[in-house]
């Protein structure tokens, strides 16, 4: 659905995106991560034909965005930058007007998208009475009007309260699961990405520093929290036996192929009590911060 090859963008001698390759298959929820200024919005702007790349090729839904922009975006819905609405008109009327800029849609279709985003009952209210969360849902409704196969969302949860973030997350999951939409989203909310995405890419200063399945971020380094009478003594013994390869703050990293059962067995045989032993599940936040710190150290 999305293919970027060697895509770069330079603004006034500053590279916002540099040699970016991305591949997003149909049916995936793909997350683009990075700090503010990493190049996420520039990359999305180029995918939508709103920013012209300095180099490289971009194909959306099988069409080159540079030479076939109309065909490329025909089946794309997008939530990009701050959506603008007519505050003195109703949400319904806004959708009618916005749809008319491309192709008129039926009242039935407007009703469908209003229901999908959870605005039923408030669609006839003036937009100036909407909360920030309701405005975000109205923007999503606008993106869904053309019955897209691909949905591109730039920071869809930005500015929302916890309840609004939860509602947006559930809506995105439903759109992928029930309508089988391919969804590409950028975000700096790592917890949201962890719950939504199947694959991710990470940008740092315009360069891609990681791309892969979300599961890959959890299989890098395993740590075990260990509580015993004397942690230092236990960690020394486990290290000498070749059962752990590292330690930190009451935790040990088992050697390859070593499970918690092996650690417990060894400690019991050595007469060391085991009060607690728990395998820690690596989080996306830990992976992301480790990746960024590693990039910083290499400069």
Protein backbone atom coordinates (compact mmCIF):
# COMPACT_ATOMS: atom_id res chain seq x y z
CA UNK A 1 0.00 0.00 0.00
CA UNK A 2 2.92 2.34 0.72
CA UNK A 3 6.38 2.07 -0.81
CA UNK A 4 9.15 4.64 -0.33
CA UNK A 5 12.54 4.17 -1.97
CA UNK A 6 15.48 6.48 -1.26
CA UNK A 7 13.19 9.37 -0.32
CA UNK A 8 14.88 12.57 0.87
CA UNK A 9 13.72 16.12 1.54
CA UNK A 10 15.93 19.15 2.08
CA UNK A 11 14.70 22.49 3.43
CA UNK A 12 17.19 25.36 3.15
CA UNK A 13 20.24 23.08 3.28
CA UNK A 14 18.81 21.04 6.16
CA UNK A 15 17.84 17.43 5.49
CA UNK A 16 14.44 16.79 7.11
CA UNK A 17 14.30 13.25 5.66
CA UNK A 18 17.29 11.38 4.26
CA UNK A 19 17.26 8.23 2.10
CA UNK A 20 14.09 6.81 3.63
CA UNK A 21 12.93 3.35 2.54
CA UNK A 22 9.57 2.04 3.79
CA UNK A 23 7.26 -0.78 2.80
CA UNK A 24 3.75 -1.09 4.26
CA UNK A 25 1.77 -4.18 3.12
CA UNK A 26 -2.01 -4.20 2.83
CA UNK A 27 -3.95 -4.82 6.04
CA UNK A 28 -1.23 -3.68 8.45
CA UNK A 29 -1.30 -1.08 11.22
CA UNK A 30 2.11 0.52 10.78
CA UNK A 31 3.58 3.04 13.20
CA UNK A 32 6.16 5.74 12.43
CA UNK A 33 7.99 6.86 15.58
CA UNK A 34 10.39 9.65 16.34
CA UNK A 35 10.90 12.73 18.47
CA UNK A 36 9.56 16.14 17.45
CA UNK A 37 11.49 17.24 14.38
CA UNK A 38 12.56 13.70 13.44
CA UNK A 39 10.89 14.00 10.02
CA UNK A 40 7.60 12.15 10.60
CA UNK A 41 5.27 14.89 9.35
CA UNK A 42 7.55 15.68 6.40
CA UNK A 43 7.47 12.01 5.38
CA UNK A 44 3.67 11.94 5.58
CA UNK A 45 3.42 15.22 3.68
CA UNK A 46 5.42 13.65 0.85
CA UNK A 47 3.18 10.55 0.87
CA UNK A 48 0.15 12.82 0.44
CA UNK A 49 1.72 14.87 -2.35
CA UNK A 50 1.74 18.04 -0.23
CA UNK A 51 5.53 18.16 0.09
CA UNK A 52 7.71 17.55 -2.97
CA UNK A 53 10.63 15.17 -2.31
CA UNK A 54 14.16 16.24 -3.17
CA UNK A 55 14.99 12.67 -4.23
CA UNK A 56 13.49 9.18 -4.31
CA UNK A 57 10.20 7.62 -5.38
CA UNK A 58 6.90 7.18 -3.51
CA UNK A 59 4.16 4.76 -4.51
CA UNK A 60 0.76 4.86 -2.80
CA UNK A 61 -1.77 2.13 -3.60
CA UNK A 62 0.46 1.08 -6.48
CA UNK A 63 0.70 4.53 -8.12
CA UNK A 64 3.58 6.99 -8.27
CA UNK A 65 2.59 10.03 -6.20
CA UNK A 66 4.67 12.33 -8.44
CA UNK A 67 3.13 11.35 -11.78
CA UNK A 68 -0.27 9.88 -10.79
CA UNK A 69 -1.27 11.84 -7.71
CA UNK A 70 -5.00 11.58 -8.38
CA UNK A 71 -4.94 7.82 -8.79
CA UNK A 72 -2.55 7.38 -5.87
CA UNK A 73 -4.80 9.26 -3.42
CA UNK A 74 -8.16 8.09 -4.77
CA UNK A 75 -8.50 5.46 -2.06
CA UNK A 76 -6.64 7.28 0.70
CA UNK A 77 -8.10 9.01 3.73
CA UNK A 78 -5.87 11.25 5.81
CA UNK A 79 -5.77 13.15 9.08
CA UNK A 80 -2.83 15.50 8.59
CA UNK A 81 -1.92 18.60 10.59
CA UNK A 82 -4.66 20.58 12.37
CA UNK A 83 -8.06 20.05 10.71
CA UNK A 84 -10.07 23.24 10.04
CA UNK A 85 -13.85 23.34 10.35
CA UNK A 86 -16.63 25.92 10.08
CA UNK A 87 -17.39 26.37 13.78
CA UNK A 88 -20.76 28.04 13.15
CA UNK A 89 -22.03 25.02 11.18
CA UNK A 90 -22.96 21.55 12.38
CA UNK A 91 -20.64 18.59 12.15
CA UNK A 92 -22.95 17.08 9.52
CA UNK A 93 -22.91 20.22 7.36
CA UNK A 94 -19.12 20.41 7.63
CA UNK A 95 -18.85 16.87 6.29
CA UNK A 96 -21.17 17.72 3.40
CA UNK A 97 -19.09 20.77 2.45
CA UNK A 98 -15.72 19.05 2.83
CA UNK A 99 -16.89 16.09 0.75
CA UNK A 100 -18.06 18.41 -2.03
CA UNK A 101 -14.46 19.56 -2.59
CA UNK A 102 -13.66 16.15 -4.06
CA UNK A 103 -16.84 14.20 -4.82
CA UNK A 104 -20.29 14.52 -3.24
CA UNK A 105 -21.30 11.66 -0.96
CA UNK A 106 -24.73 10.44 0.04
CA UNK A 107 -26.45 11.22 3.33
CA UNK A 108 -26.31 7.49 4.02
CA UNK A 109 -22.50 7.50 3.75
CA UNK A 110 -22.22 10.52 6.07
CA UNK A 111 -24.44 8.71 8.57
CA UNK A 112 -22.21 5.63 8.37
CA UNK A 113 -18.99 7.51 9.14
CA UNK A 114 -20.64 9.54 11.89
CA UNK A 115 -21.65 6.28 13.52
CA UNK A 116 -18.20 4.75 13.01
CA UNK A 117 -16.43 7.58 14.84
CA UNK A 118 -19.00 7.80 17.64
CA UNK A 119 -20.60 11.17 16.89
CA UNK A 120 -24.17 9.90 16.52
CA UNK A 121 -26.47 12.23 18.44
CA UNK A 122 -24.13 15.22 18.13
CA UNK A 123 -23.76 15.39 14.37
CA UNK A 124 -26.35 18.20 14.14
CA UNK A 125 -24.70 20.31 16.86
CA UNK A 126 -22.54 23.27 15.89
CA UNK A 127 -18.84 22.45 15.83
CA UNK A 128 -18.07 25.31 18.23
CA UNK A 129 -19.79 23.24 20.93
CA UNK A 130 -17.53 20.23 20.30
CA UNK A 131 -14.79 19.18 22.69
CA UNK A 132 -11.26 18.59 21.37
CA UNK A 133 -11.99 14.86 21.30
CA UNK A 134 -15.17 15.37 19.27
CA UNK A 135 -13.27 17.55 16.78
CA UNK A 136 -10.72 14.75 16.41
CA UNK A 137 -13.52 12.28 15.69
CA UNK A 138 -15.04 14.68 13.15
CA UNK A 139 -11.65 14.91 11.42
CA UNK A 140 -11.49 11.11 11.32
CA UNK A 141 -15.02 11.02 9.88
CA UNK A 142 -13.88 13.36 7.10
CA UNK A 143 -10.97 11.02 6.32
CA UNK A 144 -13.38 8.06 6.07
CA UNK A 145 -15.86 9.70 3.70
CA UNK A 146 -14.27 8.51 0.42
CA UNK A 147 -14.35 4.86 1.60
CA UNK A 148 -10.55 4.56 1.64
CA UNK A 149 -8.46 1.40 1.61
CA UNK A 150 -5.56 3.26 3.24
CA UNK A 151 -5.81 5.62 6.20
CA UNK A 152 -2.86 7.92 6.99
CA UNK A 153 -2.98 9.52 10.43
CA UNK A 154 -0.50 12.11 11.71
CA UNK A 155 -0.50 12.14 15.54
CA UNK A 156 -4.19 11.08 15.81
CA UNK A 157 -4.20 11.20 19.65
CA UNK A 158 -2.35 14.50 20.02
CA UNK A 159 -4.05 16.80 22.54
CA UNK A 160 -6.63 14.24 23.65
CA UNK A 161 -7.35 13.40 27.28
CA UNK A 162 -6.96 9.77 28.47
CA UNK A 163 -10.59 8.95 27.65
CA UNK A 164 -10.24 10.47 24.19
CA UNK A 165 -7.01 8.56 23.55
CA UNK A 166 -8.74 5.31 24.53
CA UNK A 167 -11.69 6.03 22.23
CA UNK A 168 -9.40 6.91 19.31
CA UNK A 169 -7.40 3.73 19.85
CA UNK A 170 -10.51 1.55 19.88
CA UNK A 171 -11.82 3.24 16.72
CA UNK A 172 -8.54 2.67 14.86
CA UNK A 173 -8.51 -0.99 15.88
CA UNK A 174 -12.11 -1.43 14.70
CA UNK A 175 -11.37 0.22 11.36
CA UNK A 176 -8.49 -2.17 10.78
CA UNK A 177 -10.28 -5.27 12.07
CA UNK A 178 -13.79 -4.78 10.68
CA UNK A 179 -13.25 -2.64 7.57
CA UNK A 180 -9.80 -4.15 6.87
CA UNK A 181 -8.25 -0.73 6.34
CA UNK A 182 -4.50 -0.45 6.09
CA UNK A 183 -3.51 2.20 8.64
CA UNK A 184 -0.29 4.20 8.72
CA UNK A 185 0.12 6.46 11.73
CA UNK A 186 2.81 8.63 13.23
CA UNK A 187 2.92 9.15 16.97
CA UNK A 188 5.12 10.00 19.91
CA UNK A 189 2.80 8.11 22.31
CA UNK A 190 4.77 4.88 22.61
CA UNK A 191 2.10 3.14 24.69
CA UNK A 192 -0.46 3.80 21.97
CA UNK A 193 1.81 2.45 19.24
CA UNK A 194 2.51 -0.64 21.33
CA UNK A 195 -1.22 -1.39 21.57
CA UNK A 196 -2.07 -0.56 17.96
CA UNK A 197 0.72 -1.49 15.57
CA UNK A 198 2.01 -4.70 14.07
CA UNK A 199 5.13 -3.11 12.57
CA UNK A 200 7.02 0.10 13.24
CA UNK A 201 9.79 2.29 11.86
CA UNK A 202 11.80 4.76 13.93
CA UNK A 203 13.21 8.03 12.59
CA UNK A 204 16.02 10.00 14.19
CA UNK A 205 17.01 13.32 12.62
CA UNK A 206 15.48 12.30 9.31
CA UNK A 207 17.14 8.90 9.09
CA UNK A 208 15.48 5.53 9.62
CA UNK A 209 17.22 3.77 12.51
CA UNK A 210 14.88 0.78 12.83
CA UNK A 211 12.13 -0.98 10.90
CA UNK A 212 10.55 -4.28 11.84
CA UNK A 213 7.79 -6.17 13.58
CA UNK A 214 6.79 -4.92 17.01
CA UNK A 215 7.67 -8.36 18.38
CA UNK A 216 11.31 -7.74 17.41
CA UNK A 217 11.51 -4.87 19.89
CA UNK A 218 10.63 -7.26 22.72
CA UNK A 219 13.17 -9.95 21.89
CA UNK A 220 16.34 -7.92 22.10
CA UNK A 221 17.31 -8.31 25.74
CA UNK A 222 15.65 -10.33 28.51
CA UNK A 223 16.00 -9.34 32.16
CA UNK A 224 14.89 -11.14 35.32
CA UNK A 225 14.07 -9.43 38.60
CA UNK A 226 15.66 -11.43 41.43
CA UNK A 227 15.03 -11.06 45.16
CA UNK A 228 17.25 -13.02 47.52
CA UNK A 229 19.04 -12.55 50.84
CA UNK A 230 22.22 -11.20 49.21
CA UNK A 231 21.76 -10.10 45.60
CA UNK A 232 25.45 -9.31 45.00
CA UNK A 233 26.56 -12.73 46.25
CA UNK A 234 23.88 -14.49 44.15
CA UNK A 235 24.71 -12.48 41.01
CA UNK A 236 28.42 -13.21 41.43
CA UNK A 237 27.75 -16.94 41.76
CA UNK A 238 25.40 -17.01 38.77
CA UNK A 239 27.94 -15.09 36.67
CA UNK A 240 30.78 -17.43 37.65
CA UNK A 241 28.61 -20.40 36.65
CA UNK A 242 27.99 -18.81 33.25
CA UNK A 243 24.23 -18.56 33.86
CA UNK A 244 23.90 -14.77 33.60
CA UNK A 245 25.68 -12.30 31.34
CA UNK A 246 24.82 -8.98 33.01
CA UNK A 247 23.28 -7.41 36.11
CA UNK A 248 21.69 -4.12 37.13
CA UNK A 249 19.63 -2.83 40.09
CA UNK A 250 18.38 -6.16 41.46
CA UNK A 251 18.05 -7.69 37.99
CA UNK A 252 20.07 -10.20 35.99
CA UNK A 253 20.18 -10.98 32.28
CA UNK A 254 20.25 -14.77 31.76
CA UNK A 255 22.74 -16.25 29.34
CA UNK A 256 21.28 -17.50 26.02
CA UNK A 257 19.12 -20.59 26.56
CA UNK A 258 18.98 -20.19 30.34
CA UNK A 259 15.52 -20.06 31.90
CA UNK A 260 14.37 -18.93 35.33
CA UNK A 261 13.99 -22.59 36.37
CA UNK A 262 17.72 -23.11 35.84
CA UNK A 263 18.55 -20.02 37.91
CA UNK A 264 16.32 -21.18 40.77
CA UNK A 265 17.73 -24.71 40.71
CA UNK A 266 21.30 -23.42 40.89
CA UNK A 267 20.56 -21.02 43.75
CA UNK A 268 18.73 -23.66 45.81
CA UNK A 269 21.61 -26.09 45.30
CA UNK A 270 23.98 -23.36 46.55
CA UNK A 271 21.82 -22.78 49.64
CA UNK A 272 20.69 -19.30 48.54
CA UNK A 273 17.02 -18.43 49.18
CA UNK A 274 14.85 -17.21 46.30
CA UNK A 275 12.16 -14.81 47.49
CA UNK A 276 11.05 -13.72 44.04
CA UNK A 277 12.12 -14.29 40.45
CA UNK A 278 10.14 -12.65 37.64
CA UNK A 279 10.97 -12.29 33.96
CA UNK A 280 10.56 -8.65 32.91
CA UNK A 281 8.75 -8.00 29.64
CA UNK A 282 10.67 -5.39 27.61
CA UNK A 283 8.54 -2.38 26.66
CA UNK A 284 8.57 -0.36 23.48
CA UNK A 285 9.61 2.66 25.55
CA UNK A 286 12.73 0.84 26.78
CA UNK A 287 13.58 -0.25 23.25
CA UNK A 288 13.00 3.25 21.84
CA UNK A 289 15.07 5.00 24.50
CA UNK A 290 17.86 2.46 24.12
CA UNK A 291 17.82 3.01 20.36
CA UNK A 292 17.95 6.81 20.74
CA UNK A 293 20.71 6.64 23.36
CA UNK A 294 22.70 4.34 21.10
CA UNK A 295 22.35 6.78 18.22
CA UNK A 296 23.46 9.65 20.46
CA UNK A 297 26.50 7.71 21.65
CA UNK A 298 27.62 7.06 18.07
CA UNK A 299 27.74 10.75 17.18
